[in-house]
N, C-alpha and C. Protein backbone atom coordinates (compact mmCIF):
# COMPACT_ATOMS: atom_id res chain seq x y z
N MET A 1 41.30 12.87 -69.09
CA MET A 1 42.35 12.16 -69.58
C MET A 1 41.77 10.52 -68.52
N PRO A 2 41.29 9.87 -68.88
CA PRO A 2 41.62 8.95 -68.49
C PRO A 2 42.69 8.46 -67.67
N THR A 3 42.88 8.06 -66.14
CA THR A 3 44.06 7.20 -65.99
C THR A 3 43.92 5.59 -64.87
N ILE A 4 45.14 4.90 -65.57
CA ILE A 4 44.70 3.51 -64.71
C ILE A 4 45.38 3.40 -63.94
N HIS A 5 46.22 3.23 -63.01
CA HIS A 5 46.75 2.68 -61.99
C HIS A 5 47.39 1.03 -61.02
N LEU A 6 47.74 0.56 -62.02
CA LEU A 6 47.82 -0.99 -61.30
C LEU A 6 49.79 -0.96 -60.21
N THR A 7 49.20 -1.47 -59.22
CA THR A 7 50.06 -2.03 -58.97
C THR A 7 50.50 -3.84 -58.36
N THR A 8 51.83 -4.18 -58.76
CA THR A 8 51.71 -5.20 -58.61
C THR A 8 53.40 -6.01 -57.90
N PHE A 9 52.91 -6.92 -56.45
CA PHE A 9 54.07 -6.57 -55.86
C PHE A 9 54.79 -8.67 -56.69
N ILE A 10 55.96 -8.45 -56.79
CA ILE A 10 56.81 -9.45 -57.18
C ILE A 10 57.86 -9.67 -56.97
N ALA A 11 58.16 -11.15 -56.21
CA ALA A 11 59.47 -11.01 -54.98
C ALA A 11 59.90 -12.12 -56.28
N GLN A 12 61.30 -11.07 -56.57
CA GLN A 12 62.19 -10.51 -57.31
C GLN A 12 62.68 -9.46 -57.73
N SER A 13 64.04 -9.83 -57.81
CA SER A 13 64.89 -8.37 -57.41
C SER A 13 64.33 -7.59 -58.86
N ALA A 14 64.31 -6.30 -58.62
CA ALA A 14 63.99 -4.85 -59.40
C ALA A 14 64.35 -4.89 -60.55
N GLU A 15 65.55 -5.28 -60.57
CA GLU A 15 66.93 -5.76 -61.89
C GLU A 15 65.64 -6.31 -62.94
N ILE A 16 65.49 -7.85 -62.72
CA ILE A 16 64.78 -8.83 -62.95
C ILE A 16 63.90 -8.30 -63.68
N VAL A 17 62.60 -7.81 -62.76
CA VAL A 17 60.88 -7.57 -63.41
C VAL A 17 61.48 -6.41 -64.43
N PHE A 18 62.06 -5.12 -63.95
CA PHE A 18 62.47 -4.26 -65.19
C PHE A 18 62.87 -4.48 -66.47
N ASP A 19 63.45 -5.74 -66.60
CA ASP A 19 63.94 -6.23 -67.67
C ASP A 19 63.22 -7.06 -68.44
N LEU A 20 62.81 -8.19 -67.61
CA LEU A 20 61.02 -8.85 -68.04
C LEU A 20 60.40 -7.64 -68.62
N SER A 21 59.72 -6.53 -67.52
CA SER A 21 58.58 -5.74 -68.11
C SER A 21 58.68 -5.36 -69.49
N ARG A 22 60.48 -5.19 -69.74
CA ARG A 22 60.54 -4.47 -71.20
C ARG A 22 61.14 -5.72 -71.99
N HIS A 23 61.16 -6.51 -72.51
CA HIS A 23 61.18 -7.52 -73.25
C HIS A 23 59.69 -8.19 -74.10
N VAL A 24 60.46 -8.49 -75.14
CA VAL A 24 59.15 -8.12 -76.51
C VAL A 24 58.89 -9.71 -76.03
N GLY A 25 59.71 -10.77 -75.81
CA GLY A 25 58.73 -11.95 -76.27
C GLY A 25 58.26 -12.55 -74.29
N LEU A 26 58.65 -11.93 -73.60
CA LEU A 26 57.91 -12.80 -72.90
C LEU A 26 56.41 -11.26 -72.89
N HIS A 27 56.22 -10.73 -73.86
CA HIS A 27 54.88 -9.08 -73.82
C HIS A 27 54.07 -9.59 -74.45
N LYS A 28 54.73 -10.46 -75.82
CA LYS A 28 54.44 -11.42 -77.15
C LYS A 28 53.02 -12.89 -76.64
N ASP A 29 54.40 -13.20 -75.42
CA ASP A 29 53.52 -14.74 -74.78
C ASP A 29 52.34 -14.11 -73.81
N ALA A 30 52.44 -12.49 -73.74
CA ALA A 30 51.40 -12.49 -72.84
C ALA A 30 50.36 -12.32 -73.25
N MET A 31 50.38 -12.26 -74.48
CA MET A 31 48.79 -11.93 -74.94
C MET A 31 48.54 -12.45 -76.39
N VAL A 32 49.16 -14.08 -76.28
CA VAL A 32 49.16 -14.54 -77.22
C VAL A 32 47.64 -14.89 -77.47
N ALA A 33 46.71 -14.71 -76.54
CA ALA A 33 45.13 -14.76 -77.03
C ALA A 33 45.15 -13.64 -78.10
N TYR A 34 45.54 -13.42 -77.84
CA TYR A 34 45.46 -11.05 -78.85
C TYR A 34 46.39 -11.62 -80.28
N ARG A 35 46.67 -12.77 -79.98
CA ARG A 35 48.13 -12.51 -81.65
C ARG A 35 48.72 -11.43 -81.54
N GLU A 36 49.52 -11.06 -80.61
CA GLU A 36 49.98 -10.11 -80.80
C GLU A 36 51.31 -10.25 -80.88
N GLU A 37 52.51 -9.65 -82.23
CA GLU A 37 53.43 -9.53 -83.10
C GLU A 37 54.01 -8.26 -83.15
N ALA A 38 55.43 -8.29 -83.01
CA ALA A 38 56.06 -7.41 -83.34
C ALA A 38 56.61 -7.34 -84.58
N VAL A 39 55.71 -6.07 -85.22
CA VAL A 39 55.85 -6.32 -86.87
C VAL A 39 57.04 -5.13 -87.35
N ALA A 40 57.57 -4.39 -86.50
CA ALA A 40 58.34 -3.40 -86.79
C ALA A 40 58.96 -2.29 -85.53
N GLY A 41 60.42 -1.77 -86.19
CA GLY A 41 60.90 -1.84 -85.30
C GLY A 41 61.87 -2.75 -84.26
N THR A 42 61.69 -2.44 -83.43
CA THR A 42 62.63 -3.87 -82.12
C THR A 42 61.50 -5.17 -81.86
N ARG A 43 62.03 -5.86 -82.88
CA ARG A 43 60.63 -6.92 -82.21
C ARG A 43 61.93 -8.14 -81.37
N PHE A 44 62.43 -7.91 -81.01
CA PHE A 44 63.15 -9.52 -80.22
C PHE A 44 64.00 -8.53 -79.22
N GLY A 45 63.86 -9.62 -77.88
CA GLY A 45 65.29 -8.78 -76.85
C GLY A 45 64.11 -7.90 -76.07
N MET A 46 65.12 -7.03 -75.71
CA MET A 46 64.61 -5.55 -74.65
C MET A 46 64.34 -4.62 -75.50
N LEU A 47 63.50 -3.69 -75.15
CA LEU A 47 63.45 -1.98 -75.55
C LEU A 47 64.60 -1.38 -75.02
N GLU A 48 64.86 -0.08 -75.94
CA GLU A 48 65.48 0.55 -74.71
C GLU A 48 65.55 1.92 -75.15
N SER A 49 65.56 2.64 -75.10
CA SER A 49 65.60 4.12 -75.14
C SER A 49 65.70 4.38 -76.14
N GLY A 50 64.75 5.61 -77.14
CA GLY A 50 64.90 5.77 -78.48
C GLY A 50 63.62 4.48 -79.57
N GLU A 51 63.88 3.95 -79.12
CA GLU A 51 63.31 2.75 -79.54
C GLU A 51 62.02 2.40 -80.19
N THR A 52 62.05 2.01 -80.83
CA THR A 52 59.69 1.69 -81.37
C THR A 52 59.77 0.75 -81.41
N ILE A 53 58.50 0.43 -81.38
CA ILE A 53 58.19 -1.29 -81.62
C ILE A 53 56.75 -1.11 -82.09
N THR A 54 56.62 -1.73 -82.93
CA THR A 54 54.94 -1.79 -84.15
C THR A 54 53.88 -2.77 -84.06
N TRP A 55 53.48 -3.20 -83.00
CA TRP A 55 52.28 -4.76 -82.34
C TRP A 55 51.38 -4.31 -83.55
N ARG A 56 51.01 -5.77 -84.13
CA ARG A 56 49.91 -5.79 -84.51
C ARG A 56 48.98 -6.95 -83.96
N SER A 57 47.92 -6.69 -83.41
CA SER A 57 47.30 -7.72 -82.49
C SER A 57 45.62 -7.55 -83.04
N ARG A 58 44.92 -8.46 -81.96
CA ARG A 58 43.32 -8.23 -83.00
C ARG A 58 42.53 -8.26 -81.61
N HIS A 59 42.31 -6.92 -81.84
CA HIS A 59 40.54 -6.80 -80.40
C HIS A 59 39.66 -6.61 -80.93
N PHE A 60 38.28 -6.87 -80.16
CA PHE A 60 37.24 -6.34 -80.94
C PHE A 60 37.00 -6.71 -82.35
N PHE A 61 37.55 -8.13 -82.77
CA PHE A 61 37.30 -8.88 -83.25
C PHE A 61 38.16 -7.75 -85.38
N LYS A 62 38.75 -7.28 -84.67
CA LYS A 62 39.81 -6.85 -86.28
C LYS A 62 40.98 -6.83 -85.41
N ASP A 63 42.21 -6.58 -86.69
CA ASP A 63 43.78 -6.43 -86.53
C ASP A 63 44.31 -4.83 -85.85
N ARG A 64 45.00 -4.86 -85.19
CA ARG A 64 45.01 -3.19 -84.91
C ARG A 64 46.36 -3.59 -85.20
N LEU A 65 47.09 -2.06 -85.21
CA LEU A 65 48.45 -1.78 -85.35
C LEU A 65 49.01 -0.80 -84.72
N MET A 66 50.22 -0.44 -83.78
CA MET A 66 50.17 0.56 -82.54
C MET A 66 51.44 0.59 -82.57
N ARG A 67 52.31 1.48 -82.86
CA ARG A 67 53.10 1.84 -82.43
C ARG A 67 54.13 2.43 -81.57
N LEU A 68 55.04 2.09 -80.59
CA LEU A 68 54.83 2.87 -79.58
C LEU A 68 56.10 3.44 -79.50
N ARG A 69 57.12 4.59 -79.13
CA ARG A 69 58.33 4.35 -78.82
C ARG A 69 58.66 5.02 -77.21
N VAL A 70 59.66 4.01 -76.98
CA VAL A 70 60.70 4.54 -76.05
C VAL A 70 61.10 6.01 -75.15
N LEU A 71 60.02 6.69 -74.80
CA LEU A 71 60.09 7.99 -74.21
C LEU A 71 61.68 8.60 -73.20
N GLU A 72 61.75 7.82 -72.42
CA GLU A 72 62.50 7.33 -71.61
C GLU A 72 62.69 6.21 -71.16
N LEU A 73 63.96 5.83 -69.93
CA LEU A 73 64.50 4.76 -69.97
C LEU A 73 65.16 4.81 -68.41
N VAL A 74 65.54 4.43 -67.47
CA VAL A 74 65.88 4.52 -66.27
C VAL A 74 66.68 3.56 -65.51
N LYS A 75 67.56 3.07 -66.04
CA LYS A 75 67.51 1.15 -65.58
C LYS A 75 67.79 1.43 -64.13
N PRO A 76 67.62 0.27 -62.83
CA PRO A 76 65.73 -0.41 -63.95
C PRO A 76 64.43 0.56 -62.79
N GLU A 77 64.52 1.50 -62.75
CA GLU A 77 63.64 2.49 -62.61
C GLU A 77 62.49 2.76 -63.30
N ARG A 78 62.87 2.93 -63.98
CA ARG A 78 61.03 2.77 -64.88
C ARG A 78 61.55 3.50 -66.48
N TYR A 79 60.94 3.40 -67.20
CA TYR A 79 60.65 3.64 -68.64
C TYR A 79 59.05 3.83 -69.06
N VAL A 80 58.88 4.79 -69.57
CA VAL A 80 58.02 5.76 -70.82
C VAL A 80 57.78 5.09 -72.26
N LEU A 81 56.48 4.98 -72.25
CA LEU A 81 56.13 4.39 -73.79
C LEU A 81 55.22 6.03 -74.13
N GLU A 82 54.92 5.73 -75.33
CA GLU A 82 54.16 7.21 -76.18
C GLU A 82 53.59 5.97 -77.26
N GLN A 83 52.36 5.96 -77.59
CA GLN A 83 52.17 5.76 -79.09
C GLN A 83 52.63 7.00 -79.74
N ALA A 84 52.77 6.65 -80.94
CA ALA A 84 53.35 6.93 -82.28
C ALA A 84 52.29 6.63 -82.98
N MET A 85 51.38 6.00 -83.36
CA MET A 85 50.72 5.91 -84.39
C MET A 85 49.86 4.49 -83.67
N GLY A 86 48.37 4.65 -83.90
CA GLY A 86 47.55 3.29 -83.08
C GLY A 86 46.16 3.75 -82.66
N PRO A 87 45.68 3.14 -82.17
CA PRO A 87 43.57 3.48 -81.90
C PRO A 87 43.21 4.52 -81.22
N PHE A 88 44.73 5.19 -79.95
CA PHE A 88 44.18 6.09 -78.72
C PHE A 88 44.20 7.70 -79.76
N ALA A 89 43.34 8.32 -79.26
CA ALA A 89 43.95 9.93 -79.70
C ALA A 89 45.15 10.40 -78.94
N GLU A 90 45.60 9.76 -77.51
CA GLU A 90 46.46 9.50 -77.07
C GLU A 90 46.91 8.79 -76.08
N PHE A 91 48.11 8.14 -75.58
CA PHE A 91 48.68 7.03 -74.67
C PHE A 91 49.42 6.63 -74.64
N ARG A 92 49.74 6.78 -73.08
CA ARG A 92 51.30 6.92 -72.32
C ARG A 92 50.57 5.88 -71.37
N HIS A 93 52.30 5.33 -71.44
CA HIS A 93 52.52 3.97 -70.29
C HIS A 93 53.68 4.26 -69.91
N GLU A 94 53.76 4.42 -67.93
CA GLU A 94 54.67 4.30 -67.73
C GLU A 94 54.95 3.49 -66.56
N ARG A 95 56.26 2.89 -66.70
CA ARG A 95 56.44 1.92 -65.85
C ARG A 95 57.30 1.99 -64.89
N HIS A 96 57.00 2.33 -63.45
CA HIS A 96 57.92 2.40 -62.09
C HIS A 96 58.16 1.03 -61.92
N VAL A 97 59.72 0.50 -61.97
CA VAL A 97 59.98 -0.38 -60.81
C VAL A 97 60.83 -0.21 -59.56
N LYS A 98 59.51 -0.33 -58.15
CA LYS A 98 60.74 -0.10 -56.77
C LYS A 98 61.28 -1.34 -56.14
N PRO A 99 62.22 -1.30 -55.58
CA PRO A 99 62.58 -2.21 -54.20
C PRO A 99 61.86 -2.40 -53.09
N CYS A 100 61.83 -3.30 -52.65
CA CYS A 100 61.02 -3.64 -51.54
C CYS A 100 61.63 -4.57 -50.87
N GLU A 101 61.04 -4.70 -49.72
CA GLU A 101 61.43 -6.03 -48.76
C GLU A 101 61.14 -7.36 -49.55
N ASN A 102 61.82 -8.19 -50.10
CA ASN A 102 61.07 -9.58 -50.57
C ASN A 102 61.09 -9.96 -51.90
N GLY A 103 61.80 -8.29 -52.21
CA GLY A 103 60.67 -8.24 -53.85
C GLY A 103 60.82 -7.14 -54.07
N SER A 104 59.27 -6.30 -55.15
CA SER A 104 60.32 -5.20 -56.21
C SER A 104 58.77 -4.91 -56.27
N ILE A 105 58.14 -3.43 -56.63
CA ILE A 105 56.54 -2.93 -56.99
C ILE A 105 56.74 -2.74 -58.25
N LEU A 106 55.82 -3.29 -58.82
CA LEU A 106 56.52 -2.94 -60.82
C LEU A 106 54.42 -2.09 -60.29
N ILE A 107 54.75 -0.43 -60.73
CA ILE A 107 53.64 0.55 -61.14
C ILE A 107 53.86 0.65 -62.75
N ASN A 108 52.44 0.37 -62.41
CA ASN A 108 51.89 1.51 -64.13
C ASN A 108 50.65 2.04 -64.12
N LEU A 109 51.30 3.50 -64.94
CA LEU A 109 50.44 4.07 -64.85
C LEU A 109 50.31 4.66 -66.75
N ILE A 110 48.97 4.05 -67.00
CA ILE A 110 48.72 4.55 -68.28
C ILE A 110 47.63 5.69 -68.31
N HIS A 111 47.98 6.43 -69.14
CA HIS A 111 47.16 7.54 -69.28
C HIS A 111 46.79 7.68 -70.91
N TYR A 112 45.57 8.45 -71.15
CA TYR A 112 44.64 7.57 -73.19
C TYR A 112 44.01 8.26 -72.62
N GLU A 113 43.49 8.44 -73.81
CA GLU A 113 42.55 9.05 -74.81
C GLU A 113 41.71 8.34 -76.05
N TRP A 114 40.88 7.92 -75.77
CA TRP A 114 39.55 7.81 -76.72
C TRP A 114 39.67 9.08 -78.27
N PRO A 115 39.49 8.07 -79.47
CA PRO A 115 39.57 9.26 -80.49
C PRO A 115 37.90 9.96 -80.77
N GLN A 116 36.86 8.83 -80.57
CA GLN A 116 36.33 8.95 -80.50
C GLN A 116 35.37 10.14 -79.98
N GLY A 117 36.06 11.02 -78.65
CA GLY A 117 35.17 12.08 -77.87
C GLY A 117 34.29 11.91 -76.65
N ARG A 118 33.21 12.52 -77.00
CA ARG A 118 32.04 11.99 -75.77
C ARG A 118 31.89 10.71 -76.05
N LEU A 119 31.19 10.09 -77.28
CA LEU A 119 30.97 8.78 -77.10
C LEU A 119 32.59 8.18 -76.82
N GLY A 120 33.72 8.10 -77.04
CA GLY A 120 34.64 7.45 -76.56
C GLY A 120 35.37 7.50 -75.45
N ARG A 121 34.48 8.94 -74.57
CA ARG A 121 34.64 8.49 -73.15
C ARG A 121 33.49 7.85 -72.70
N ILE A 122 32.04 7.72 -72.69
CA ILE A 122 31.16 6.95 -72.46
C ILE A 122 31.88 5.38 -73.01
N ALA A 123 32.25 5.08 -73.62
CA ALA A 123 33.16 3.46 -74.24
C ALA A 123 33.34 3.23 -73.12
N ASP A 124 34.37 4.48 -72.53
CA ASP A 124 35.27 3.98 -71.48
C ASP A 124 35.02 3.27 -70.16
N ARG A 125 33.38 3.89 -69.91
CA ARG A 125 33.36 3.97 -68.94
C ARG A 125 32.34 2.71 -68.64
N LEU A 126 32.27 2.11 -69.99
CA LEU A 126 30.78 1.22 -69.99
C LEU A 126 32.05 -0.07 -70.08
N TYR A 127 32.80 -0.02 -70.60
CA TYR A 127 33.67 -1.59 -71.19
C TYR A 127 35.26 -0.81 -71.46
N LEU A 128 35.49 0.01 -71.57
CA LEU A 128 36.84 -0.39 -72.69
C LEU A 128 37.78 -0.07 -71.82
N GLY A 129 38.09 1.13 -70.15
CA GLY A 129 38.65 0.79 -69.26
C GLY A 129 38.99 -0.32 -68.95
N ASN A 130 38.10 -0.78 -68.54
CA ASN A 130 38.43 -2.56 -67.80
C ASN A 130 38.92 -3.57 -68.95
N TYR A 131 38.77 -3.04 -69.95
CA TYR A 131 39.30 -4.11 -71.20
C TYR A 131 41.05 -3.42 -70.62
N LEU A 132 41.00 -2.47 -70.69
CA LEU A 132 42.72 -1.78 -71.27
C LEU A 132 43.67 -2.18 -69.42
N GLU A 133 42.62 -2.40 -68.77
CA GLU A 133 42.87 -2.41 -67.36
C GLU A 133 43.40 -4.02 -67.48
N ASN A 134 42.49 -4.56 -67.94
CA ASN A 134 43.29 -6.36 -67.57
C ASN A 134 43.70 -6.78 -68.41
N LEU A 135 43.88 -6.05 -69.93
CA LEU A 135 45.33 -6.01 -70.81
C LEU A 135 46.63 -6.31 -69.63
N ILE A 136 46.29 -5.07 -69.41
CA ILE A 136 47.75 -4.69 -68.23
C ILE A 136 47.64 -5.85 -67.31
N GLN A 137 46.77 -5.53 -66.64
CA GLN A 137 46.68 -6.92 -65.66
C GLN A 137 47.50 -8.26 -65.99
N GLN A 138 46.57 -8.54 -67.55
CA GLN A 138 47.22 -10.07 -67.33
C GLN A 138 48.77 -9.74 -67.90
N HIS A 139 49.36 -8.98 -68.58
CA HIS A 139 50.78 -8.58 -68.63
C HIS A 139 51.76 -8.95 -67.31
N ASN A 140 51.21 -7.97 -66.52
CA ASN A 140 51.67 -7.74 -65.08
C ASN A 140 51.80 -9.88 -65.12
N GLU A 141 50.58 -10.37 -64.87
CA GLU A 141 50.72 -11.55 -64.34
C GLU A 141 51.70 -12.17 -64.40
N THR A 142 51.86 -12.63 -65.95
CA THR A 142 53.00 -12.81 -66.79
C THR A 142 54.50 -12.79 -66.43
N ILE A 143 54.93 -11.00 -65.80
CA ILE A 143 56.02 -11.32 -65.32
C ILE A 143 56.14 -11.51 -64.76
N ARG A 144 55.32 -11.66 -63.49
CA ARG A 144 55.13 -11.95 -62.03
C ARG A 144 55.55 -13.28 -62.14
N LYS A 145 54.42 -14.03 -62.68
CA LYS A 145 55.12 -16.22 -62.44
C LYS A 145 56.30 -16.17 -63.35
N SER A 146 56.59 -15.78 -64.76
CA SER A 146 57.73 -15.58 -65.20
C SER A 146 59.37 -14.70 -64.27
N ALA A 147 58.75 -14.10 -62.96
CA ALA A 147 60.12 -13.96 -62.25
C ALA A 147 60.19 -14.76 -61.24
N GLU A 148 59.13 -14.95 -60.52
CA GLU A 148 59.26 -15.42 -59.73
C GLU A 148 59.39 -17.33 -59.50
N GLY A 149 58.81 -17.88 -60.64
CA GLY A 149 59.71 -18.88 -61.35
C GLY A 149 61.09 -18.96 -62.27
N ASN A 150 61.51 -20.31 -63.03
CA ASN A 150 62.85 -19.96 -63.60
C ASN A 150 62.83 -19.41 -64.57
N ARG A 151 61.31 -19.12 -65.76
CA ARG A 151 60.94 -19.15 -66.57
C ARG A 151 61.94 -17.94 -66.45
N TRP A 152 62.05 -16.97 -65.91
CA TRP A 152 62.51 -14.98 -65.93
C TRP A 152 64.01 -15.44 -67.10
N LYS A 153 64.56 -16.57 -66.64
CA LYS A 153 65.82 -17.44 -67.17
C LYS A 153 65.74 -17.26 -68.99
N THR A 154 64.75 -18.13 -68.95
CA THR A 154 64.69 -18.09 -70.54
C THR A 154 64.32 -17.03 -71.91
N TYR A 155 63.96 -15.57 -70.91
CA TYR A 155 64.06 -14.62 -71.70
C TYR A 155 64.88 -14.12 -71.76
N LEU A 156 65.56 -13.70 -70.37
CA LEU A 156 67.06 -12.83 -69.76
C LEU A 156 68.46 -13.50 -70.05
N MET A 157 68.65 -14.64 -70.24
CA MET A 157 70.21 -15.74 -70.30
C MET A 157 69.68 -15.86 -71.48
N LYS A 158 69.48 -15.52 -72.63
CA LYS A 158 69.73 -15.84 -74.06
C LYS A 158 71.24 -15.32 -74.74
């Protein structure tokens, strides 16, 4: 099973980084190019333990639906999302936030499997793995910019 491991330094407290990383509005803003929209489950605010969210988005010229379930949430350290319905044979996304000197480290571990078997593994090595990694990096960059500027207040101070 392929795994993506990304680490991002953010000059902000672990609490703020953690809350931004699970905020539905920030995620939507990060994925605006893919017309991502929460259409069921938790549609606003922050994801909490046991909740689900269904995203509709556009990837590879086709509308897609993906329902995720929050399996575990330990504030402000980590939370785990798992696909309940969607394009992957398996999908698990762990987000860990570690305080460090001058900020926090955001760690993403994404374990996934494409449904097409051997063909899916080949496509993953040629293109799909990089595509997925770039989506997560784009999301992390939106978190970083929001956390390091004053924009985080628009998400968390409502």
